[in-house]
């Protein structure tokens, strides 16, 4: 996030290399910027 030459698309490209993944943890930090 918010880095030169990186984006949502580069994040997706990284996730697509995760072969045979069984479980996902979708992490959400509550009000991160505010805290």
ModelCIF file with pLDDT and N, C-alpha, C, O atoms, coordinates in Angstrom:
data_MODEL
#
_entry.id   MODEL 
#
_entity.id                         1 
_entity.type                       polymer 
_entity.pdbx_number_of_molecules   1 
#
_entity_poly.entity_id                      1 
_entity_poly.type                           'polypeptide(L)' 
_entity_poly.nstd_linkage                   no 
_entity_poly.nstd_monomer                   no 
_entity_poly.pdbx_seq_one_letter_code       
;(UNK)(UNK)(UNK)(UNK)(UNK)(UNK)(UNK)(UNK)(UNK)(UNK)(UNK)(UNK)(UNK)(UNK)(UNK)(UNK)
(UNK)(UNK)(UNK)(UNK)(UNK)(UNK)(UNK)(UNK)(UNK)(UNK)(UNK)(UNK)(UNK)(UNK)(UNK)(UNK)
(UNK)(UNK)(UNK)
;
_entity_poly.pdbx_seq_one_letter_code_can   XXXXXXXXXXXXXXXXXXXXXXXXXXXXXXXXXXX 
_entity_poly.pdbx_strand_id                 A 
#
loop_
_entity_poly_seq.entity_id 
_entity_poly_seq.num 
_entity_poly_seq.mon_id 
_entity_poly_seq.hetero 
1 1  UNK n 
1 2  UNK n 
1 3  UNK n 
1 4  UNK n 
1 5  UNK n 
1 6  UNK n 
1 7  UNK n 
1 8  UNK n 
1 9  UNK n 
1 10 UNK n 
1 11 UNK n 
1 12 UNK n 
1 13 UNK n 
1 14 UNK n 
1 15 UNK n 
1 16 UNK n 
1 17 UNK n 
1 18 UNK n 
1 19 UNK n 
1 20 UNK n 
1 21 UNK n 
1 22 UNK n 
1 23 UNK n 
1 24 UNK n 
1 25 UNK n 
1 26 UNK n 
1 27 UNK n 
1 28 UNK n 
1 29 UNK n 
1 30 UNK n 
1 31 UNK n 
1 32 UNK n 
1 33 UNK n 
1 34 UNK n 
1 35 UNK n 
#
_struct_asym.id          A 
_struct_asym.entity_id   1 
#
loop_
_ma_qa_metric.id 
_ma_qa_metric.mode 
_ma_qa_metric.name 
_ma_qa_metric.software_group_id 
_ma_qa_metric.type 
1 global pLDDT . pLDDT 
2 local  pLDDT . pLDDT 
#
_ma_qa_metric_global.metric_id      1 
_ma_qa_metric_global.metric_value   91.60 
_ma_qa_metric_global.model_id       1 
_ma_qa_metric_global.ordinal_id     1 
#
loop_
_ma_qa_metric_local.label_asym_id 
_ma_qa_metric_local.label_comp_id 
_ma_qa_metric_local.label_seq_id 
_ma_qa_metric_local.metric_id 
_ma_qa_metric_local.metric_value 
_ma_qa_metric_local.model_id 
_ma_qa_metric_local.ordinal_id 
A UNK 1  2 92.00 1 1  
A UNK 2  2 92.00 1 2  
A UNK 3  2 94.00 1 3  
A UNK 4  2 93.00 1 4  
A UNK 5  2 93.00 1 5  
A UNK 6  2 93.00 1 6  
A UNK 7  2 90.00 1 7  
A UNK 8  2 89.00 1 8  
A UNK 9  2 89.00 1 9  
A UNK 10 2 92.00 1 10 
A UNK 11 2 91.00 1 11 
A UNK 12 2 89.00 1 12 
A UNK 13 2 91.00 1 13 
A UNK 14 2 93.00 1 14 
A UNK 15 2 91.00 1 15 
A UNK 16 2 89.00 1 16 
A UNK 17 2 92.00 1 17 
A UNK 18 2 92.00 1 18 
A UNK 19 2 85.00 1 19 
A UNK 20 2 84.00 1 20 
A UNK 21 2 91.00 1 21 
A UNK 22 2 91.00 1 22 
A UNK 23 2 94.00 1 23 
A UNK 24 2 95.00 1 24 
A UNK 25 2 95.00 1 25 
A UNK 26 2 93.00 1 26 
A UNK 27 2 94.00 1 27 
A UNK 28 2 90.00 1 28 
A UNK 29 2 94.00 1 29 
A UNK 30 2 92.00 1 30 
A UNK 31 2 90.00 1 31 
A UNK 32 2 93.00 1 32 
A UNK 33 2 93.00 1 33 
A UNK 34 2 92.00 1 34 
A UNK 35 2 95.00 1 35 
#
loop_
_atom_site.group_PDB 
_atom_site.id 
_atom_site.type_symbol 
_atom_site.label_atom_id 
_atom_site.label_alt_id 
_atom_site.label_comp_id 
_atom_site.label_asym_id 
_atom_site.label_entity_id 
_atom_site.label_seq_id 
_atom_site.pdbx_PDB_ins_code 
_atom_site.Cartn_x 
_atom_site.Cartn_y 
_atom_site.Cartn_z 
_atom_site.occupancy 
_atom_site.B_iso_or_equiv 
_atom_site.pdbx_formal_charge 
_atom_site.auth_seq_id 
_atom_site.auth_comp_id 
_atom_site.auth_asym_id 
_atom_site.auth_atom_id 
_atom_site.pdbx_PDB_model_num 
ATOM 1   N N  . UNK A 1 1  ? 0.796  -1.224  0.000  1.00 92.00 ? 1  UNK A N  1 
ATOM 2   C CA . UNK A 1 1  ? 0.000  0.000   0.000  1.00 92.00 ? 1  UNK A CA 1 
ATOM 3   C C  . UNK A 1 1  ? 0.824  1.266   0.000  1.00 92.00 ? 1  UNK A C  1 
ATOM 4   O O  . UNK A 1 1  ? 1.744  1.406   0.806  1.00 92.00 ? 1  UNK A O  1 
ATOM 5   N N  . UNK A 1 2  ? 0.505  2.210   -0.907 1.00 92.00 ? 2  UNK A N  1 
ATOM 6   C CA . UNK A 1 2  ? 1.115  3.542   -0.940 1.00 92.00 ? 2  UNK A CA 1 
ATOM 7   C C  . UNK A 1 2  ? 2.638  3.489   -1.013 1.00 92.00 ? 2  UNK A C  1 
ATOM 8   O O  . UNK A 1 2  ? 3.347  4.190   -0.291 1.00 92.00 ? 2  UNK A O  1 
ATOM 9   N N  . UNK A 1 3  ? 3.109  2.632   -1.911 1.00 94.00 ? 3  UNK A N  1 
ATOM 10  C CA . UNK A 1 3  ? 4.548  2.518   -2.142 1.00 94.00 ? 3  UNK A CA 1 
ATOM 11  C C  . UNK A 1 3  ? 4.837  2.632   -3.629 1.00 94.00 ? 3  UNK A C  1 
ATOM 12  O O  . UNK A 1 3  ? 4.008  2.235   -4.448 1.00 94.00 ? 3  UNK A O  1 
ATOM 13  N N  . UNK A 1 4  ? 6.011  3.172   -4.000 1.00 93.00 ? 4  UNK A N  1 
ATOM 14  C CA . UNK A 1 4  ? 6.351  3.288   -5.424 1.00 93.00 ? 4  UNK A CA 1 
ATOM 15  C C  . UNK A 1 4  ? 6.344  1.927   -6.107 1.00 93.00 ? 4  UNK A C  1 
ATOM 16  O O  . UNK A 1 4  ? 6.873  0.950   -5.577 1.00 93.00 ? 4  UNK A O  1 
ATOM 17  N N  . UNK A 1 5  ? 5.741  1.876   -7.285 1.00 93.00 ? 5  UNK A N  1 
ATOM 18  C CA . UNK A 1 5  ? 5.716  0.669   -8.123 1.00 93.00 ? 5  UNK A CA 1 
ATOM 19  C C  . UNK A 1 5  ? 5.000  -0.506  -7.469 1.00 93.00 ? 5  UNK A C  1 
ATOM 20  O O  . UNK A 1 5  ? 5.217  -1.656  -7.850 1.00 93.00 ? 5  UNK A O  1 
ATOM 21  N N  . UNK A 1 6  ? 4.145  -0.222  -6.486 1.00 93.00 ? 6  UNK A N  1 
ATOM 22  C CA . UNK A 1 6  ? 3.337  -1.267  -5.856 1.00 93.00 ? 6  UNK A CA 1 
ATOM 23  C C  . UNK A 1 6  ? 1.889  -0.799  -5.795 1.00 93.00 ? 6  UNK A C  1 
ATOM 24  O O  . UNK A 1 6  ? 1.608  0.399   -5.778 1.00 93.00 ? 6  UNK A O  1 
ATOM 25  N N  . UNK A 1 7  ? 0.980  -1.765  -5.763 1.00 90.00 ? 7  UNK A N  1 
ATOM 26  C CA . UNK A 1 7  ? -0.435 -1.412  -5.838 1.00 90.00 ? 7  UNK A CA 1 
ATOM 27  C C  . UNK A 1 7  ? -1.276 -2.609  -5.419 1.00 90.00 ? 7  UNK A C  1 
ATOM 28  O O  . UNK A 1 7  ? -0.749 -3.636  -4.992 1.00 90.00 ? 7  UNK A O  1 
ATOM 29  N N  . UNK A 1 8  ? -2.586 -2.461  -5.547 1.00 89.00 ? 8  UNK A N  1 
ATOM 30  C CA . UNK A 1 8  ? -3.489 -3.597  -5.333 1.00 89.00 ? 8  UNK A CA 1 
ATOM 31  C C  . UNK A 1 8  ? -3.125 -4.727  -6.292 1.00 89.00 ? 8  UNK A C  1 
ATOM 32  O O  . UNK A 1 8  ? -3.216 -5.902  -5.937 1.00 89.00 ? 8  UNK A O  1 
ATOM 33  N N  . UNK A 1 9  ? -2.715 -4.370  -7.505 1.00 89.00 ? 9  UNK A N  1 
ATOM 34  C CA . UNK A 1 9  ? -2.407 -5.389  -8.510 1.00 89.00 ? 9  UNK A CA 1 
ATOM 35  C C  . UNK A 1 9  ? -1.169 -6.200  -8.127 1.00 89.00 ? 9  UNK A C  1 
ATOM 36  O O  . UNK A 1 9  ? -1.130 -7.410  -8.351 1.00 89.00 ? 9  UNK A O  1 
ATOM 37  N N  . UNK A 1 10 ? -0.165 -5.551  -7.555 1.00 92.00 ? 10 UNK A N  1 
ATOM 38  C CA . UNK A 1 10 ? 1.022  -6.298  -7.119 1.00 92.00 ? 10 UNK A CA 1 
ATOM 39  C C  . UNK A 1 10 ? 0.685  -7.185  -5.922 1.00 92.00 ? 10 UNK A C  1 
ATOM 40  O O  . UNK A 1 10 ? 1.249  -8.268  -5.768 1.00 92.00 ? 10 UNK A O  1 
ATOM 41  N N  . UNK A 1 11 ? -0.247 -6.715  -5.064 1.00 91.00 ? 11 UNK A N  1 
ATOM 42  C CA . UNK A 1 11 ? -0.691 -7.552  -3.943 1.00 91.00 ? 11 UNK A CA 1 
ATOM 43  C C  . UNK A 1 11 ? -1.407 -8.794  -4.468 1.00 91.00 ? 11 UNK A C  1 
ATOM 44  O O  . UNK A 1 11 ? -1.175 -9.901  -3.983 1.00 91.00 ? 11 UNK A O  1 
ATOM 45  N N  . UNK A 1 12 ? -2.279 -8.608  -5.459 1.00 89.00 ? 12 UNK A N  1 
ATOM 46  C CA . UNK A 1 12 ? -2.998 -9.730  -6.055 1.00 89.00 ? 12 UNK A CA 1 
ATOM 47  C C  . UNK A 1 12 ? -2.027 -10.706 -6.712 1.00 89.00 ? 12 UNK A C  1 
ATOM 48  O O  . UNK A 1 12 ? -2.186 -11.921 -6.594 1.00 89.00 ? 12 UNK A O  1 
ATOM 49  N N  . UNK A 1 13 ? -1.024 -10.175 -7.402 1.00 91.00 ? 13 UNK A N  1 
ATOM 50  C CA . UNK A 1 13 ? -0.030 -11.044 -8.047 1.00 91.00 ? 13 UNK A CA 1 
ATOM 51  C C  . UNK A 1 13 ? 0.687  -11.906 -7.016 1.00 91.00 ? 13 UNK A C  1 
ATOM 52  O O  . UNK A 1 13 ? 0.993  -13.068 -7.280 1.00 91.00 ? 13 UNK A O  1 
ATOM 53  N N  . UNK A 1 14 ? 0.956  -11.334 -5.834 1.00 93.00 ? 14 UNK A N  1 
ATOM 54  C CA . UNK A 1 14 ? 1.615  -12.100 -4.778 1.00 93.00 ? 14 UNK A CA 1 
ATOM 55  C C  . UNK A 1 14 ? 0.689  -13.194 -4.257 1.00 93.00 ? 14 UNK A C  1 
ATOM 56  O O  . UNK A 1 14 ? 1.119  -14.329 -4.052 1.00 93.00 ? 14 UNK A O  1 
ATOM 57  N N  . UNK A 1 15 ? -0.589 -12.854 -4.042 1.00 91.00 ? 15 UNK A N  1 
ATOM 58  C CA . UNK A 1 15 ? -1.552 -13.842 -3.542 1.00 91.00 ? 15 UNK A CA 1 
ATOM 59  C C  . UNK A 1 15 ? -1.705 -14.992 -4.522 1.00 91.00 ? 15 UNK A C  1 
ATOM 60  O O  . UNK A 1 15 ? -1.888 -16.139 -4.112 1.00 91.00 ? 15 UNK A O  1 
ATOM 61  N N  . UNK A 1 16 ? -1.631 -14.699 -5.805 1.00 89.00 ? 16 UNK A N  1 
ATOM 62  C CA . UNK A 1 16 ? -1.816 -15.739 -6.821 1.00 89.00 ? 16 UNK A CA 1 
ATOM 63  C C  . UNK A 1 16 ? -0.685 -16.762 -6.835 1.00 89.00 ? 16 UNK A C  1 
ATOM 64  O O  . UNK A 1 16 ? -0.809 -17.810 -7.470 1.00 89.00 ? 16 UNK A O  1 
ATOM 65  N N  . UNK A 1 17 ? 0.418  -16.471 -6.142 1.00 92.00 ? 17 UNK A N  1 
ATOM 66  C CA . UNK A 1 17 ? 1.519  -17.439 -6.050 1.00 92.00 ? 17 UNK A CA 1 
ATOM 67  C C  . UNK A 1 17 ? 1.325  -18.416 -4.891 1.00 92.00 ? 17 UNK A C  1 
ATOM 68  O O  . UNK A 1 17 ? 2.100  -19.359 -4.732 1.00 92.00 ? 17 UNK A O  1 
ATOM 69  N N  . UNK A 1 18 ? 0.286  -18.188 -4.082 1.00 92.00 ? 18 UNK A N  1 
ATOM 70  C CA . UNK A 1 18 ? 0.043  -19.035 -2.921 1.00 92.00 ? 18 UNK A CA 1 
ATOM 71  C C  . UNK A 1 18 ? -0.643 -20.327 -3.357 1.00 92.00 ? 18 UNK A C  1 
ATOM 72  O O  . UNK A 1 18 ? -1.871 -20.406 -3.340 1.00 92.00 ? 18 UNK A O  1 
ATOM 73  N N  . UNK A 1 19 ? 0.099  -21.296 -3.730 1.00 85.00 ? 19 UNK A N  1 
ATOM 74  C CA . UNK A 1 19 ? -0.460 -22.557 -4.234 1.00 85.00 ? 19 UNK A CA 1 
ATOM 75  C C  . UNK A 1 19 ? -1.004 -23.425 -3.093 1.00 85.00 ? 19 UNK A C  1 
ATOM 76  O O  . UNK A 1 19 ? -0.402 -23.532 -2.025 1.00 85.00 ? 19 UNK A O  1 
ATOM 77  N N  . UNK A 1 20 ? -2.143 -24.028 -3.352 1.00 84.00 ? 20 UNK A N  1 
ATOM 78  C CA . UNK A 1 20 ? -2.739 -25.029 -2.445 1.00 84.00 ? 20 UNK A CA 1 
ATOM 79  C C  . UNK A 1 20 ? -3.096 -24.480 -1.072 1.00 84.00 ? 20 UNK A C  1 
ATOM 80  O O  . UNK A 1 20 ? -3.166 -25.240 -0.106 1.00 84.00 ? 20 UNK A O  1 
ATOM 81  N N  . UNK A 1 21 ? -3.324 -23.175 -0.967 1.00 91.00 ? 21 UNK A N  1 
ATOM 82  C CA . UNK A 1 21 ? -3.719 -22.579 0.311  1.00 91.00 ? 21 UNK A CA 1 
ATOM 83  C C  . UNK A 1 21 ? -5.040 -23.184 0.779  1.00 91.00 ? 21 UNK A C  1 
ATOM 84  O O  . UNK A 1 21 ? -5.958 -23.382 -0.016 1.00 91.00 ? 21 UNK A O  1 
ATOM 85  N N  . UNK A 1 22 ? -5.127 -23.474 2.074  1.00 91.00 ? 22 UNK A N  1 
ATOM 86  C CA . UNK A 1 22 ? -6.325 -24.096 2.644  1.00 91.00 ? 22 UNK A CA 1 
ATOM 87  C C  . UNK A 1 22 ? -7.170 -23.076 3.403  1.00 91.00 ? 22 UNK A C  1 
ATOM 88  O O  . UNK A 1 22 ? -8.391 -23.042 3.251  1.00 91.00 ? 22 UNK A O  1 
ATOM 89  N N  . UNK A 1 23 ? -6.510 -22.232 4.232  1.00 94.00 ? 23 UNK A N  1 
ATOM 90  C CA . UNK A 1 23 ? -7.242 -21.269 5.063  1.00 94.00 ? 23 UNK A CA 1 
ATOM 91  C C  . UNK A 1 23 ? -6.737 -19.844 4.827  1.00 94.00 ? 23 UNK A C  1 
ATOM 92  O O  . UNK A 1 23 ? -5.541 -19.612 4.651  1.00 94.00 ? 23 UNK A O  1 
ATOM 93  N N  . UNK A 1 24 ? -7.673 -18.906 4.830  1.00 95.00 ? 24 UNK A N  1 
ATOM 94  C CA . UNK A 1 24 ? -7.345 -17.483 4.732  1.00 95.00 ? 24 UNK A CA 1 
ATOM 95  C C  . UNK A 1 24 ? -7.763 -16.768 6.010  1.00 95.00 ? 24 UNK A C  1 
ATOM 96  O O  . UNK A 1 24 ? -8.843 -17.013 6.547  1.00 95.00 ? 24 UNK A O  1 
ATOM 97  N N  . UNK A 1 25 ? -6.890 -15.879 6.491  1.00 95.00 ? 25 UNK A N  1 
ATOM 98  C CA . UNK A 1 25 ? -7.249 -14.967 7.586  1.00 95.00 ? 25 UNK A CA 1 
ATOM 99  C C  . UNK A 1 25 ? -7.302 -13.565 6.978  1.00 95.00 ? 25 UNK A C  1 
ATOM 100 O O  . UNK A 1 25 ? -6.283 -13.006 6.570  1.00 95.00 ? 25 UNK A O  1 
ATOM 101 N N  . UNK A 1 26 ? -8.504 -13.020 6.929  1.00 93.00 ? 26 UNK A N  1 
ATOM 102 C CA . UNK A 1 26 ? -8.685 -11.667 6.385  1.00 93.00 ? 26 UNK A CA 1 
ATOM 103 C C  . UNK A 1 26 ? -8.587 -10.678 7.544  1.00 93.00 ? 26 UNK A C  1 
ATOM 104 O O  . UNK A 1 26 ? -9.538 -10.507 8.305  1.00 93.00 ? 26 UNK A O  1 
ATOM 105 N N  . UNK A 1 27 ? -7.429 -10.027 7.671  1.00 94.00 ? 27 UNK A N  1 
ATOM 106 C CA . UNK A 1 27 ? -7.178 -9.166  8.825  1.00 94.00 ? 27 UNK A CA 1 
ATOM 107 C C  . UNK A 1 27 ? -7.640 -7.737  8.619  1.00 94.00 ? 27 UNK A C  1 
ATOM 108 O O  . UNK A 1 27 ? -7.330 -7.112  7.604  1.00 94.00 ? 27 UNK A O  1 
ATOM 109 N N  . UNK A 1 28 ? -8.378 -7.229  9.581  1.00 90.00 ? 28 UNK A N  1 
ATOM 110 C CA . UNK A 1 28 ? -8.837 -5.839  9.560  1.00 90.00 ? 28 UNK A CA 1 
ATOM 111 C C  . UNK A 1 28 ? -8.496 -5.196  10.893 1.00 90.00 ? 28 UNK A C  1 
ATOM 112 O O  . UNK A 1 28 ? -8.980 -5.627  11.939 1.00 90.00 ? 28 UNK A O  1 
ATOM 113 N N  . UNK A 1 29 ? -7.657 -4.155  10.854 1.00 94.00 ? 29 UNK A N  1 
ATOM 114 C CA . UNK A 1 29 ? -7.268 -3.438  12.069 1.00 94.00 ? 29 UNK A CA 1 
ATOM 115 C C  . UNK A 1 29 ? -8.263 -2.305  12.305 1.00 94.00 ? 29 UNK A C  1 
ATOM 116 O O  . UNK A 1 29 ? -8.455 -1.450  11.441 1.00 94.00 ? 29 UNK A O  1 
ATOM 117 N N  . UNK A 1 30 ? -8.888 -2.302  13.468 1.00 92.00 ? 30 UNK A N  1 
ATOM 118 C CA . UNK A 1 30 ? -9.929 -1.309  13.760 1.00 92.00 ? 30 UNK A CA 1 
ATOM 119 C C  . UNK A 1 30 ? -9.347 0.103   13.820 1.00 92.00 ? 30 UNK A C  1 
ATOM 120 O O  . UNK A 1 30 ? -8.433 0.377   14.598 1.00 92.00 ? 30 UNK A O  1 
ATOM 121 N N  . UNK A 1 31 ? -9.888 0.992   12.989 1.00 90.00 ? 31 UNK A N  1 
ATOM 122 C CA . UNK A 1 31 ? -9.530 2.422   13.019 1.00 90.00 ? 31 UNK A CA 1 
ATOM 123 C C  . UNK A 1 31 ? -8.030 2.625   13.151 1.00 90.00 ? 31 UNK A C  1 
ATOM 124 O O  . UNK A 1 31 ? -7.572 3.394   13.996 1.00 90.00 ? 31 UNK A O  1 
ATOM 125 N N  . UNK A 1 32 ? -7.270 1.934   12.315 1.00 93.00 ? 32 UNK A N  1 
ATOM 126 C CA . UNK A 1 32 ? -5.805 1.939   12.447 1.00 93.00 ? 32 UNK A CA 1 
ATOM 127 C C  . UNK A 1 32 ? -5.220 3.346   12.417 1.00 93.00 ? 32 UNK A C  1 
ATOM 128 O O  . UNK A 1 32 ? -4.458 3.716   13.309 1.00 93.00 ? 32 UNK A O  1 
ATOM 129 N N  . UNK A 1 33 ? -5.565 4.129   11.405 1.00 93.00 ? 33 UNK A N  1 
ATOM 130 C CA . UNK A 1 33 ? -4.989 5.473   11.278 1.00 93.00 ? 33 UNK A CA 1 
ATOM 131 C C  . UNK A 1 33 ? -5.336 6.340   12.488 1.00 93.00 ? 33 UNK A C  1 
ATOM 132 O O  . UNK A 1 33 ? -4.530 7.164   12.920 1.00 93.00 ? 33 UNK A O  1 
ATOM 133 N N  . UNK A 1 34 ? -6.529 6.150   13.026 1.00 92.00 ? 34 UNK A N  1 
ATOM 134 C CA . UNK A 1 34 ? -6.971 6.969   14.167 1.00 92.00 ? 34 UNK A CA 1 
ATOM 135 C C  . UNK A 1 34 ? -6.362 6.528   15.489 1.00 92.00 ? 34 UNK A C  1 
ATOM 136 O O  . UNK A 1 34 ? -6.369 7.287   16.459 1.00 92.00 ? 34 UNK A O  1 
ATOM 137 N N  . UNK A 1 35 ? -5.830 5.300   15.538 1.00 95.00 ? 35 UNK A N  1 
ATOM 138 C CA . UNK A 1 35 ? -5.366 4.747   16.802 1.00 95.00 ? 35 UNK A CA 1 
ATOM 139 C C  . UNK A 1 35 ? -3.851 4.625   16.913 1.00 95.00 ? 35 UNK A C  1 
ATOM 140 O O  . UNK A 1 35 ? -3.341 4.171   17.937 1.00 95.00 ? 35 UNK A O  1 
#
